[in-house]
Amino acid sequence: MKSGQTTVLLASRPAIKSLVWELWSIRITTRTISTYLARRGFTPQKPAKQAYAQRSKEVQHWLDNTYPFIKARARLHNAEVFWGDKTGVRNQCQHAQGFAPKGNTPVVKANAKRLSVNMISAIMNQGKIWFMVYQETMTAKVLIRFVKR
């Protein structure tokens, strides 16, 4: 969790509407719920995702025991420790969404030619970074080519 973040319960307007009815038998419109929430400083937001299956104890053990061992071994062998990642970028939007009358699927004009690029990178705690851009699928051969570079 990032510094300054607070864990909050994500409640939708229909859920609040249902709760108000259940607790006080008052019918309230969705628009009124929006107004009340806005007056109290609530805004519609996309929730941050957090893995619910995270194994916190194992992560802490790795941080406290395994990583210091790796760091010490690297120092002993005059080596450097890098954190690696790979990502892909495409020219087509994956998350477009909107509203249309039922039965009339909206059409979005898109570039017919798909372009995609992949990148693998490695960074040190001190900020030293290496990266490689490639078009093929990530394979062991691609990883080896990156490490050799």
C-alpha atoms as a PDB file:
ATOM      1  CA  MET A   1       0.000   0.000   0.000  1.00  0.00           C
ATOM      2  CA  LYS A   2       1.387   3.403  -0.962  1.00  0.00           C
ATOM      3  CA  SER A   3       2.126   5.976   1.694  1.00  0.00           C
ATOM      4  CA  GLY A   4      -0.975   8.013   2.491  1.00  0.00           C
ATOM      5  CA  GLN A   5      -3.398   5.402   1.146  1.00  0.00           C
ATOM      6  CA  THR A   6      -6.290   4.312   3.280  1.00  0.00           C
ATOM      7  CA  THR A   7      -8.160   1.063   2.888  1.00  0.00           C
ATOM      8  CA  VAL A   8     -11.826   1.864   2.292  1.00  0.00           C
ATOM      9  CA  LEU A   9     -14.870  -0.169   1.502  1.00  0.00           C
ATOM     10  CA  LEU A  10     -15.908   0.302  -2.106  1.00  0.00           C
ATOM     11  CA  ALA A  11     -19.663   0.915  -2.102  1.00  0.00           C
ATOM     12  CA  SER A  12     -21.733   1.419  -5.215  1.00  0.00           C
ATOM     13  CA  ARG A  13     -24.743   3.738  -5.344  1.00  0.00           C
ATOM     14  CA  PRO A  14     -27.165   0.800  -5.783  1.00  0.00           C
ATOM     15  CA  ALA A  15     -25.653  -0.841  -2.687  1.00  0.00           C
ATOM     16  CA  ILE A  16     -26.118   2.373  -0.671  1.00  0.00           C
ATOM     17  CA  LYS A  17     -29.663   2.737  -2.016  1.00  0.00           C
ATOM     18  CA  SER A  18     -30.455  -0.811  -0.892  1.00  0.00           C
ATOM     19  CA  LEU A  19     -28.902  -0.221   2.546  1.00  0.00           C
ATOM     20  CA  VAL A  20     -30.910   2.990   3.125  1.00  0.00           C
ATOM     21  CA  TRP A  21     -34.105   1.118   2.248  1.00  0.00           C
ATOM     22  CA  GLU A  22     -33.189  -1.820   4.483  1.00  0.00           C
ATOM     23  CA  LEU A  23     -32.250   0.332   7.493  1.00  0.00           C
ATOM     24  CA  TRP A  24     -34.820   3.142   7.334  1.00  0.00           C
ATOM     25  CA  SER A  25     -37.400   2.102   4.675  1.00  0.00           C
ATOM     26  CA  ILE A  26     -36.650   5.288   2.726  1.00  0.00           C
ATOM     27  CA  ARG A  27     -36.624   5.277  -1.056  1.00  0.00           C
ATOM     28  CA  ILE A  28     -33.854   7.487  -2.400  1.00  0.00           C
ATOM     29  CA  THR A  29     -32.855   8.134  -6.012  1.00  0.00           C
ATOM     30  CA  THR A  30     -29.434   7.263  -7.324  1.00  0.00           C
ATOM     31  CA  ARG A  31     -28.861  10.915  -8.254  1.00  0.00           C
ATOM     32  CA  THR A  32     -29.602  12.004  -4.676  1.00  0.00           C
ATOM     33  CA  ILE A  33     -27.084   9.465  -3.386  1.00  0.00           C
ATOM     34  CA  SER A  34     -24.492  10.980  -5.744  1.00  0.00           C
ATOM     35  CA  THR A  35     -25.261  14.455  -4.395  1.00  0.00           C
ATOM     36  CA  TYR A  36     -25.007  13.335  -0.767  1.00  0.00           C
ATOM     37  CA  LEU A  37     -21.696  11.545  -1.428  1.00  0.00           C
ATOM     38  CA  ALA A  38     -20.261  14.584  -3.248  1.00  0.00           C
ATOM     39  CA  ARG A  39     -21.226  16.862  -0.333  1.00  0.00           C
ATOM     40  CA  ARG A  40     -19.247  14.592   1.960  1.00  0.00           C
ATOM     41  CA  GLY A  41     -16.151  14.653  -0.257  1.00  0.00           C
ATOM     42  CA  PHE A  42     -16.646  11.349  -2.077  1.00  0.00           C
ATOM     43  CA  THR A  43     -15.873  11.160  -5.803  1.00  0.00           C
ATOM     44  CA  PRO A  44     -16.207   8.304  -8.283  1.00  0.00           C
ATOM     45  CA  GLN A  45     -12.813   6.616  -8.514  1.00  0.00           C
ATOM     46  CA  LYS A  46     -11.257   3.596 -10.071  1.00  0.00           C
ATOM     47  CA  PRO A  47     -10.161   1.400  -7.136  1.00  0.00           C
ATOM     48  CA  ALA A  48      -6.525   0.438  -6.689  1.00  0.00           C
ATOM     49  CA  LYS A  49      -6.062  -3.291  -7.061  1.00  0.00           C
ATOM     50  CA  GLN A  50      -4.384  -5.253  -4.313  1.00  0.00           C
ATOM     51  CA  ALA A  51      -3.725  -8.966  -4.424  1.00  0.00           C
ATOM     52  CA  TYR A  52      -5.957 -10.658  -1.884  1.00  0.00           C
ATOM     53  CA  ALA A  53      -3.920 -13.838  -2.100  1.00  0.00           C
ATOM     54  CA  GLN A  54      -0.634 -12.148  -1.234  1.00  0.00           C
ATOM     55  CA  ARG A  55       1.419 -14.241   1.133  1.00  0.00           C
ATOM     56  CA  SER A  56       2.627 -11.482   3.454  1.00  0.00           C
ATOM     57  CA  LYS A  57       4.583 -13.756   5.811  1.00  0.00           C
ATOM     58  CA  GLU A  58       6.506 -15.320   2.926  1.00  0.00           C
ATOM     59  CA  VAL A  59       7.198 -11.899   1.396  1.00  0.00           C
ATOM     60  CA  GLN A  60       8.515 -10.616   4.736  1.00  0.00           C
ATOM     61  CA  HIS A  61      10.670 -13.740   5.159  1.00  0.00           C
ATOM     62  CA  TRP A  62      12.146 -13.161   1.696  1.00  0.00           C
ATOM     63  CA  LEU A  63      12.868  -9.503   2.536  1.00  0.00           C
ATOM     64  CA  ASP A  64      14.371 -10.320   5.938  1.00  0.00           C
ATOM     65  CA  ASN A  65      16.353 -13.459   5.053  1.00  0.00           C
ATOM     66  CA  THR A  66      16.631 -14.403   1.381  1.00  0.00           C
ATOM     67  CA  TYR A  67      17.333 -10.970  -0.106  1.00  0.00           C
ATOM     68  CA  PRO A  68      20.080 -10.039   2.405  1.00  0.00           C
ATOM     69  CA  PHE A  69      21.758 -13.371   1.559  1.00  0.00           C
ATOM     70  CA  ILE A  70      21.562 -12.609  -2.176  1.00  0.00           C
ATOM     71  CA  LYS A  71      22.910  -9.099  -1.575  1.00  0.00           C
ATOM     72  CA  ALA A  72      25.828 -10.380   0.548  1.00  0.00           C
ATOM     73  CA  ARG A  73      26.681 -13.083  -1.992  1.00  0.00           C
ATOM     74  CA  ALA A  74      26.683 -10.512  -4.807  1.00  0.00           C
ATOM     75  CA  ARG A  75      29.028  -8.279  -2.769  1.00  0.00           C
ATOM     76  CA  LEU A  76      31.327 -11.256  -2.103  1.00  0.00           C
ATOM     77  CA  HIS A  77      31.581 -11.977  -5.854  1.00  0.00           C
ATOM     78  CA  ASN A  78      31.805  -8.290  -6.849  1.00  0.00           C
ATOM     79  CA  ALA A  79      28.454  -8.668  -8.648  1.00  0.00           C
ATOM     80  CA  GLU A  80      25.391  -6.445  -8.953  1.00  0.00           C
ATOM     81  CA  VAL A  81      21.752  -7.253  -8.118  1.00  0.00           C
ATOM     82  CA  PHE A  82      19.103  -6.164 -10.612  1.00  0.00           C
ATOM     83  CA  TRP A  83      15.303  -6.205 -10.500  1.00  0.00           C
ATOM     84  CA  GLY A  84      13.793  -7.274 -13.826  1.00  0.00           C
ATOM     85  CA  ASP A  85      10.510  -6.783 -15.610  1.00  0.00           C
ATOM     86  CA  LYS A  86       8.993  -7.102 -19.043  1.00  0.00           C
ATOM     87  CA  THR A  87       6.081  -5.303 -20.625  1.00  0.00           C
ATOM     88  CA  GLY A  88       4.285  -4.963 -23.921  1.00  0.00           C
ATOM     89  CA  VAL A  89       2.788  -1.974 -25.715  1.00  0.00           C
ATOM     90  CA  ARG A  90       0.128  -2.123 -28.436  1.00  0.00           C
ATOM     91  CA  ASN A  91      -1.438   0.535 -30.603  1.00  0.00           C
ATOM     92  CA  GLN A  92      -4.970  -0.641 -29.861  1.00  0.00           C
ATOM     93  CA  CYS A  93      -6.938   0.275 -26.755  1.00  0.00           C
ATOM     94  CA  GLN A  94      -7.866  -2.715 -24.591  1.00  0.00           C
ATOM     95  CA  HIS A  95     -10.336  -1.034 -22.238  1.00  0.00           C
ATOM     96  CA  ALA A  96     -12.708   1.123 -24.279  1.00  0.00           C
ATOM     97  CA  GLN A  97     -16.200   1.224 -22.810  1.00  0.00           C
ATOM     98  CA  GLY A  98     -19.258   3.361 -23.324  1.00  0.00           C
ATOM     99  CA  PHE A  99     -23.040   3.408 -23.524  1.00  0.00           C
ATOM    100  CA  ALA A 100     -25.323   2.630 -26.461  1.00  0.00           C
ATOM    101  CA  PRO A 101     -28.972   1.590 -26.883  1.00  0.00           C
ATOM    102  CA  LYS A 102     -29.588  -2.080 -26.115  1.00  0.00           C
ATOM    103  CA  GLY A 103     -29.025  -4.207 -29.205  1.00  0.00           C
ATOM    104  CA  ASN A 104     -26.927  -1.553 -30.998  1.00  0.00           C
ATOM    105  CA  THR A 105     -23.285  -2.406 -30.435  1.00  0.00           C
ATOM    106  CA  PRO A 106     -21.148   0.714 -30.690  1.00  0.00           C
ATOM    107  CA  VAL A 107     -18.343   0.690 -33.254  1.00  0.00           C
ATOM    108  CA  VAL A 108     -15.019   2.356 -32.618  1.00  0.00           C
ATOM    109  CA  LYS A 109     -12.785   3.137 -35.585  1.00  0.00           C
ATOM    110  CA  ALA A 110      -9.371   1.576 -35.063  1.00  0.00           C
ATOM    111  CA  ASN A 111      -6.172   1.285 -37.005  1.00  0.00           C
ATOM    112  CA  ALA A 112      -6.438  -2.011 -38.885  1.00  0.00           C
ATOM    113  CA  LYS A 113      -2.711  -2.636 -38.584  1.00  0.00           C
ATOM    114  CA  ARG A 114      -1.745  -3.975 -35.183  1.00  0.00           C
ATOM    115  CA  LEU A 115       1.586  -2.838 -33.864  1.00  0.00           C
ATOM    116  CA  SER A 116       3.146  -4.245 -30.755  1.00  0.00           C
ATOM    117  CA  VAL A 117       6.489  -3.811 -29.089  1.00  0.00           C
ATOM    118  CA  ASN A 118       7.866  -5.573 -26.043  1.00  0.00           C
ATOM    119  CA  MET A 119      10.459  -4.368 -23.593  1.00  0.00           C
ATOM    120  CA  ILE A 120      12.548  -6.078 -20.979  1.00  0.00           C
ATOM    121  CA  SER A 121      14.349  -4.044 -18.359  1.00  0.00           C
ATOM    122  CA  ALA A 122      16.571  -4.444 -15.329  1.00  0.00           C
ATOM    123  CA  ILE A 123      17.217  -1.813 -12.664  1.00  0.00           C
ATOM    124  CA  MET A 124      19.456  -1.620  -9.608  1.00  0.00           C
ATOM    125  CA  ASN A 125      18.525  -0.068  -6.267  1.00  0.00           C
ATOM    126  CA  GLN A 126      21.000   2.723  -7.089  1.00  0.00           C
ATOM    127  CA  GLY A 127      19.124   3.543 -10.311  1.00  0.00           C
ATOM    128  CA  LYS A 128      21.410   1.936 -12.903  1.00  0.00           C
ATOM    129  CA  ILE A 129      19.132   0.617 -15.662  1.00  0.00           C
ATOM    130  CA  TRP A 130      19.318  -1.486 -18.803  1.00  0.00           C
ATOM    131  CA  PHE A 131      16.504  -2.174 -21.249  1.00  0.00           C
ATOM    132  CA  MET A 132      15.931  -3.822 -24.600  1.00  0.00           C
ATOM    133  CA  VAL A 133      13.021  -3.377 -27.005  1.00  0.00           C
ATOM    134  CA  TYR A 134      12.057  -6.368 -29.143  1.00  0.00           C
ATOM    135  CA  GLN A 135       9.121  -7.507 -31.293  1.00  0.00           C
ATOM    136  CA  GLU A 136       9.114 -11.275 -30.894  1.00  0.00           C
ATOM    137  CA  THR A 137       7.568 -13.208 -28.014  1.00  0.00           C
ATOM    138  CA  MET A 138       9.546 -13.433 -24.771  1.00  0.00           C
ATOM    139  CA  THR A 139      11.514 -16.662 -24.768  1.00  0.00           C
ATOM    140  CA  ALA A 140      14.620 -17.962 -23.028  1.00  0.00           C
ATOM    141  CA  LYS A 141      16.633 -16.978 -26.124  1.00  0.00           C
ATOM    142  CA  VAL A 142      15.401 -13.372 -25.855  1.00  0.00           C
ATOM    143  CA  LEU A 143      16.261 -13.276 -22.147  1.00  0.00           C
ATOM    144  CA  ILE A 144      19.749 -14.661 -22.815  1.00  0.00           C
ATOM    145  CA  ARG A 145      20.279 -12.090 -25.600  1.00  0.00           C
ATOM    146  CA  PHE A 146      19.293  -9.340 -23.150  1.00  0.00           C
ATOM    147  CA  VAL A 147      21.590 -10.583 -20.376  1.00  0.00           C
ATOM    148  CA  LYS A 148      24.535 -10.918 -22.800  1.00  0.00           C
ATOM    149  CA  ARG A 149      24.061  -7.320 -23.963  1.00  0.00           C
END
